[in-house]
Structures are given as structure tokens and as C-alpha cells.
Amino acid sequence: MGAGKTTVGRTLARRLGWTFKDLDEVIEHRQGKSVAGIFAEAGEAGFRLMESAALEELLNQKEEAVRGSLIVGLGGGAFVQPHNRASLEKAGAITVLLEAPLEELRRRCTRDGGTRPLARGEKEFAQLFEERRAAYALAQFRVETMNKTVEEVAAEIEHILTPVTEPEVKQ
């Protein structure tokens, strides 16, 4: 939470000419309610089921033009779920963790003023951060976001993706 996944994802998609999908927004659109509303009604377990189903659908899109040029902004808890990581791996997805110090992430979440169901008190936020740390370490790449602009972070990820985005030249 607060790492900048949606903002950076949109910027990166614009830079590459790709499609960006925010997984939370996909779920909200399908359900006709906010993530906070879904949490209140279905609980975290219910939300996680919806999240996994939405991710599977995005990863299994039939249109090759979209599938090969899709950036998905996962919610903070999506990558923690082993079956979601397995689905990402099976699809050949490149995973990038956006990192920032705990205090910075908490500040960003507070500044945003949005309703994040799991961004409660300072102690709970720190505990959630620690619980998720081991799963986040499984991402293929890490990009530090502290003291960088959105464009700088997007450029760094674009550089990571360059071998994927450049066409193969055969002689």
C-alpha cells in the first residue's frame, strides 16, 4: 500500500504504449462497489477470491495483442497469495516490487486520504508490512521509489523490460 503501483503503472503503460489494468479497479467495476465496501460485505477472504478470479481472467486473455503488452497493478495483498504468484509465473509475467521505507508508505497512505481497508493504525500497518515482506521478496525485480519522480520509477522499470519490448533481430 502506498508504493505507487497505480500511478507508476499508468505512466509506464503510457510510455510503452501498453494497456494498464489496476486489479482493485477491475474488481470494483465488476462488483459495483469500492474495495472497502467489498471488505465490509464479504470480508477479506471474499475479496481475495474475487481478486484471484479477476487476476486469472486478465492473465488468460485470448487477445495476444493485449496479453503481451499488459501491465497489471496488483493490490498490496494479491502477490502474497501463493496461488496468485503461481498464476503470474505460469503466465510468464515479469514481477516488479515498488519499494519504499515503511514510514514513507504510511505517510503516502495517510496523505491519499483514501479508504484502504487494511491501512488502519500505525501498529497494524507496520505488522501488515512485516507479514508481507517475505512474499514481496519473491518478486523478480525491485525498484526503490523513495526520492524519485513517477517518471523516474517508470523509466527504471522500462529499462528492466527493454529486453522484452525490443524485437528480436535475425540475420
C-alpha atoms as a PDB file:
ATOM      1  CA  MET A   1       0.000   0.000   0.000  1.00  0.00           C
ATOM      2  CA  GLY A   2       1.225   3.424  -0.929  1.00  0.00           C
ATOM      3  CA  ALA A   3       4.078   2.219  -3.124  1.00  0.00           C
ATOM      4  CA  GLY A   4       2.657   3.914  -6.221  1.00  0.00           C
ATOM      5  CA  LYS A   5       1.592   0.849  -8.200  1.00  0.00           C
ATOM      6  CA  THR A   6      -1.340   2.501  -9.961  1.00  0.00           C
ATOM      7  CA  THR A   7       0.352   5.818 -10.675  1.00  0.00           C
ATOM      8  CA  VAL A   8       3.568   4.224 -11.896  1.00  0.00           C
ATOM      9  CA  GLY A   9       1.675   1.515 -13.799  1.00  0.00           C
ATOM     10  CA  ARG A  10      -0.351   4.089 -15.734  1.00  0.00           C
ATOM     11  CA  THR A  11       2.753   6.123 -16.510  1.00  0.00           C
ATOM     12  CA  LEU A  12       4.701   3.051 -17.622  1.00  0.00           C
ATOM     13  CA  ALA A  13       1.823   1.909 -19.854  1.00  0.00           C
ATOM     14  CA  ARG A  14       1.717   5.344 -21.486  1.00  0.00           C
ATOM     15  CA  ARG A  15       5.482   5.270 -22.080  1.00  0.00           C
ATOM     16  CA  LEU A  16       5.351   1.798 -23.657  1.00  0.00           C
ATOM     17  CA  GLY A  17       2.030   2.139 -25.460  1.00  0.00           C
ATOM     18  CA  TRP A  18       0.694  -0.805 -23.455  1.00  0.00           C
ATOM     19  CA  THR A  19      -2.562  -1.414 -21.595  1.00  0.00           C
ATOM     20  CA  PHE A  20      -2.742  -0.854 -17.840  1.00  0.00           C
ATOM     21  CA  LYS A  21      -5.224  -2.558 -15.522  1.00  0.00           C
ATOM     22  CA  ASP A  22      -5.449  -1.871 -11.808  1.00  0.00           C
ATOM     23  CA  LEU A  23      -6.700  -5.107 -10.253  1.00  0.00           C
ATOM     24  CA  ASP A  24      -8.632  -3.318  -7.499  1.00  0.00           C
ATOM     25  CA  GLU A  25     -10.379  -1.130 -10.102  1.00  0.00           C
ATOM     26  CA  VAL A  26     -11.281  -4.204 -12.174  1.00  0.00           C
ATOM     27  CA  ILE A  27     -12.878  -5.778  -9.090  1.00  0.00           C
ATOM     28  CA  GLU A  28     -14.690  -2.562  -8.135  1.00  0.00           C
ATOM     29  CA  HIS A  29     -16.107  -2.279 -11.647  1.00  0.00           C
ATOM     30  CA  ARG A  30     -17.313  -5.883 -11.612  1.00  0.00           C
ATOM     31  CA  GLN A  31     -18.865  -5.668  -8.162  1.00  0.00           C
ATOM     32  CA  GLY A  32     -20.253  -2.147  -8.477  1.00  0.00           C
ATOM     33  CA  LYS A  33     -18.761  -1.129  -5.131  1.00  0.00           C
ATOM     34  CA  SER A  34     -15.487   0.011  -3.603  1.00  0.00           C
ATOM     35  CA  VAL A  35     -12.839  -2.311  -2.224  1.00  0.00           C
ATOM     36  CA  ALA A  36     -13.752  -1.013   1.244  1.00  0.00           C
ATOM     37  CA  GLY A  37     -17.402  -1.873   0.556  1.00  0.00           C
ATOM     38  CA  ILE A  38     -16.457  -5.353  -0.625  1.00  0.00           C
ATOM     39  CA  PHE A  39     -14.334  -5.890   2.504  1.00  0.00           C
ATOM     40  CA  ALA A  40     -17.245  -4.739   4.678  1.00  0.00           C
ATOM     41  CA  GLU A  41     -19.695  -7.046   2.923  1.00  0.00           C
ATOM     42  CA  ALA A  42     -17.632 -10.124   2.012  1.00  0.00           C
ATOM     43  CA  GLY A  43     -14.658  -9.822   4.343  1.00  0.00           C
ATOM     44  CA  GLU A  44     -11.039 -10.143   3.319  1.00  0.00           C
ATOM     45  CA  ALA A  45     -11.454 -13.821   2.360  1.00  0.00           C
ATOM     46  CA  GLY A  46     -14.306 -12.970  -0.015  1.00  0.00           C
ATOM     47  CA  PHE A  47     -12.323 -10.135  -1.542  1.00  0.00           C
ATOM     48  CA  ARG A  48      -9.272 -12.392  -2.061  1.00  0.00           C
ATOM     49  CA  LEU A  49     -11.419 -14.890  -4.002  1.00  0.00           C
ATOM     50  CA  MET A  50     -12.658 -12.089  -6.279  1.00  0.00           C
ATOM     51  CA  GLU A  51      -9.107 -10.816  -6.644  1.00  0.00           C
ATOM     52  CA  SER A  52      -7.731 -14.201  -7.706  1.00  0.00           C
ATOM     53  CA  ALA A  53     -10.552 -14.725 -10.213  1.00  0.00           C
ATOM     54  CA  ALA A  54     -10.001 -11.266 -11.747  1.00  0.00           C
ATOM     55  CA  LEU A  55      -6.244 -11.841 -11.974  1.00  0.00           C
ATOM     56  CA  GLU A  56      -6.744 -15.212 -13.686  1.00  0.00           C
ATOM     57  CA  GLU A  57      -9.022 -13.613 -16.267  1.00  0.00           C
ATOM     58  CA  LEU A  58      -6.536 -10.832 -17.010  1.00  0.00           C
ATOM     59  CA  LEU A  59      -3.673 -13.300 -17.357  1.00  0.00           C
ATOM     60  CA  ASN A  60      -5.659 -15.615 -19.612  1.00  0.00           C
ATOM     61  CA  GLN A  61      -6.912 -13.040 -22.089  1.00  0.00           C
ATOM     62  CA  LYS A  62      -7.073 -14.558 -25.538  1.00  0.00           C
ATOM     63  CA  GLU A  63      -6.048 -11.480 -27.477  1.00  0.00           C
ATOM     64  CA  GLU A  64      -2.288 -11.826 -27.931  1.00  0.00           C
ATOM     65  CA  ALA A  65      -2.040  -8.113 -28.698  1.00  0.00           C
ATOM     66  CA  VAL A  66      -3.279  -7.326 -25.194  1.00  0.00           C
ATOM     67  CA  ARG A  67      -1.702 -10.235 -23.341  1.00  0.00           C
ATOM     68  CA  GLY A  68       1.836  -9.427 -24.428  1.00  0.00           C
ATOM     69  CA  SER A  69       1.523  -5.762 -23.618  1.00  0.00           C
ATOM     70  CA  LEU A  70      -0.389  -5.666 -20.357  1.00  0.00           C
ATOM     71  CA  ILE A  71       0.681  -4.085 -17.098  1.00  0.00           C
ATOM     72  CA  VAL A  72      -1.332  -5.144 -14.051  1.00  0.00           C
ATOM     73  CA  GLY A  73      -1.173  -3.188 -10.818  1.00  0.00           C
ATOM     74  CA  LEU A  74      -1.771  -5.774  -8.103  1.00  0.00           C
ATOM     75  CA  GLY A  75      -3.289  -4.823  -4.795  1.00  0.00           C
ATOM     76  CA  GLY A  76      -0.948  -4.998  -1.821  1.00  0.00           C
ATOM     77  CA  GLY A  77      -2.226  -8.425  -0.754  1.00  0.00           C
ATOM     78  CA  ALA A  78      -2.537 -10.092  -4.163  1.00  0.00           C
ATOM     79  CA  PHE A  79       1.120 -11.061  -4.524  1.00  0.00           C
ATOM     80  CA  VAL A  80       1.118 -12.505  -1.006  1.00  0.00           C
ATOM     81  CA  GLN A  81      -1.280 -15.269  -2.106  1.00  0.00           C
ATOM     82  CA  PRO A  82       0.763 -18.287  -3.323  1.00  0.00           C
ATOM     83  CA  HIS A  83      -1.800 -19.259  -5.993  1.00  0.00           C
ATOM     84  CA  ASN A  84      -1.647 -15.731  -7.465  1.00  0.00           C
ATOM     85  CA  ARG A  85       2.155 -15.908  -7.635  1.00  0.00           C
ATOM     86  CA  ALA A  86       1.859 -19.320  -9.315  1.00  0.00           C
ATOM     87  CA  SER A  87      -0.588 -17.879 -11.869  1.00  0.00           C
ATOM     88  CA  LEU A  88       1.769 -14.986 -12.603  1.00  0.00           C
ATOM     89  CA  GLU A  89       4.688 -17.379 -13.052  1.00  0.00           C
ATOM     90  CA  LYS A  90       2.676 -19.711 -15.292  1.00  0.00           C
ATOM     91  CA  ALA A  91       1.684 -16.743 -17.477  1.00  0.00           C
ATOM     92  CA  GLY A  92       5.333 -15.709 -17.791  1.00  0.00           C
ATOM     93  CA  ALA A  93       4.651 -12.391 -16.091  1.00  0.00           C
ATOM     94  CA  ILE A  94       7.529 -10.186 -15.006  1.00  0.00           C
ATOM     95  CA  THR A  95       7.024  -9.094 -11.409  1.00  0.00           C
ATOM     96  CA  VAL A  96       8.358  -5.800 -10.090  1.00  0.00           C
ATOM     97  CA  LEU A  97       8.140  -4.707  -6.461  1.00  0.00           C
ATOM     98  CA  LEU A  98       7.972  -0.980  -5.836  1.00  0.00           C
ATOM     99  CA  GLU A  99       9.791  -0.364  -2.570  1.00  0.00           C
ATOM    100  CA  ALA A 100       9.825   2.461  -0.060  1.00  0.00           C
ATOM    101  CA  PRO A 101      10.534   2.629   3.663  1.00  0.00           C
ATOM    102  CA  LEU A 102       7.634   1.752   5.964  1.00  0.00           C
ATOM    103  CA  GLU A 103       7.331   5.324   7.241  1.00  0.00           C
ATOM    104  CA  GLU A 104       7.077   6.660   3.682  1.00  0.00           C
ATOM    105  CA  LEU A 105       4.419   4.118   2.696  1.00  0.00           C
ATOM    106  CA  ARG A 106       2.377   5.004   5.783  1.00  0.00           C
ATOM    107  CA  ARG A 107       2.746   8.730   5.022  1.00  0.00           C
ATOM    108  CA  ARG A 108       1.563   8.227   1.429  1.00  0.00           C
ATOM    109  CA  CYS A 109      -1.470   6.218   2.535  1.00  0.00           C
ATOM    110  CA  THR A 110      -2.385   8.875   5.089  1.00  0.00           C
ATOM    111  CA  ARG A 111      -1.857  11.684   2.563  1.00  0.00           C
ATOM    112  CA  ASP A 112      -4.038   9.972  -0.038  1.00  0.00           C
ATOM    113  CA  GLY A 113      -6.950  10.068   2.393  1.00  0.00           C
ATOM    114  CA  GLY A 114      -8.486   7.093   0.601  1.00  0.00           C
ATOM    115  CA  THR A 115     -10.258   4.277   2.342  1.00  0.00           C
ATOM    116  CA  ARG A 116      -7.858   1.371   2.483  1.00  0.00           C
ATOM    117  CA  PRO A 117      -9.451  -1.428   4.480  1.00  0.00           C
ATOM    118  CA  LEU A 118      -6.143  -2.768   5.812  1.00  0.00           C
ATOM    119  CA  ALA A 119      -4.427   0.597   6.446  1.00  0.00           C
ATOM    120  CA  ARG A 120      -5.618   1.029   9.972  1.00  0.00           C
ATOM    121  CA  GLY A 121      -3.452   2.243  12.821  1.00  0.00           C
ATOM    122  CA  GLU A 122       0.294   2.719  12.737  1.00  0.00           C
ATOM    123  CA  LYS A 123       0.994  -0.505  14.634  1.00  0.00           C
ATOM    124  CA  GLU A 124      -1.322  -2.583  12.406  1.00  0.00           C
ATOM    125  CA  PHE A 125       0.190  -1.047   9.281  1.00  0.00           C
ATOM    126  CA  ALA A 126       3.704  -1.974  10.448  1.00  0.00           C
ATOM    127  CA  GLN A 127       2.587  -5.513  11.306  1.00  0.00           C
ATOM    128  CA  LEU A 128       0.995  -5.993   7.865  1.00  0.00           C
ATOM    129  CA  PHE A 129       4.172  -4.682   6.224  1.00  0.00           C
ATOM    130  CA  GLU A 130       6.266  -7.243   8.133  1.00  0.00           C
ATOM    131  CA  GLU A 131       3.854 -10.099   7.397  1.00  0.00           C
ATOM    132  CA  ARG A 132       4.033  -9.403   3.663  1.00  0.00           C
ATOM    133  CA  ARG A 133       7.764  -8.771   3.419  1.00  0.00           C
ATOM    134  CA  ALA A 134       8.800 -12.394   2.733  1.00  0.00           C
ATOM    135  CA  ALA A 135       6.279 -12.762  -0.102  1.00  0.00           C
ATOM    136  CA  TYR A 136       7.260  -9.413  -1.612  1.00  0.00           C
ATOM    137  CA  ALA A 137      10.886 -10.552  -1.656  1.00  0.00           C
ATOM    138  CA  LEU A 138       9.843 -13.172  -4.238  1.00  0.00           C
ATOM    139  CA  ALA A 139       9.267 -10.511  -6.912  1.00  0.00           C
ATOM    140  CA  GLN A 140      11.732 -10.852  -9.785  1.00  0.00           C
ATOM    141  CA  PHE A 141      12.779  -7.185  -9.660  1.00  0.00           C
ATOM    142  CA  ARG A 142      12.738  -4.407  -7.079  1.00  0.00           C
ATOM    143  CA  VAL A 143      12.630  -0.687  -7.745  1.00  0.00           C
ATOM    144  CA  GLU A 144      13.158   1.816  -4.967  1.00  0.00           C
ATOM    145  CA  THR A 145      10.664   4.703  -5.217  1.00  0.00           C
ATOM    146  CA  MET A 146      11.887   6.952  -2.409  1.00  0.00           C
ATOM    147  CA  ASN A 147      13.011  10.387  -3.622  1.00  0.00           C
ATOM    148  CA  LYS A 148      12.207   9.543  -7.253  1.00  0.00           C
ATOM    149  CA  THR A 149       9.561  11.004  -9.512  1.00  0.00           C
ATOM    150  CA  VAL A 150       6.919   8.787 -11.056  1.00  0.00           C
ATOM    151  CA  GLU A 151       8.644   9.246 -14.431  1.00  0.00           C
ATOM    152  CA  GLU A 152      11.992   8.135 -12.972  1.00  0.00           C
ATOM    153  CA  VAL A 153      10.449   4.994 -11.496  1.00  0.00           C
ATOM    154  CA  ALA A 154       8.619   4.225 -14.750  1.00  0.00           C
ATOM    155  CA  ALA A 155      11.856   4.737 -16.724  1.00  0.00           C
ATOM    156  CA  GLU A 156      13.674   2.326 -14.410  1.00  0.00           C
ATOM    157  CA  ILE A 157      11.024  -0.342 -14.971  1.00  0.00           C
ATOM    158  CA  GLU A 158      11.046   0.361 -18.704  1.00  0.00           C
ATOM    159  CA  HIS A 159      14.782  -0.339 -18.648  1.00  0.00           C
ATOM    160  CA  ILE A 160      14.110  -3.667 -16.891  1.00  0.00           C
ATOM    161  CA  LEU A 161      11.570  -4.544 -19.584  1.00  0.00           C
ATOM    162  CA  THR A 162      13.714  -3.434 -22.537  1.00  0.00           C
ATOM    163  CA  PRO A 163      14.884  -6.947 -23.485  1.00  0.00           C
ATOM    164  CA  VAL A 164      11.200  -7.975 -23.551  1.00  0.00           C
ATOM    165  CA  THR A 165       9.933  -4.995 -25.545  1.00  0.00           C
ATOM    166  CA  GLU A 166      12.610  -4.810 -28.241  1.00  0.00           C
ATOM    167  CA  PRO A 167      12.010  -7.014 -31.272  1.00  0.00           C
ATOM    168  CA  GLU A 168      14.423  -9.834 -31.939  1.00  0.00           C
ATOM    169  CA  VAL A 169      16.653  -9.207 -34.939  1.00  0.00           C
ATOM    170  CA  LYS A 170      17.613 -12.223 -37.019  1.00  0.00           C
ATOM    171  CA  GLN A 171      20.191 -12.199 -39.794  1.00  0.00           C
END
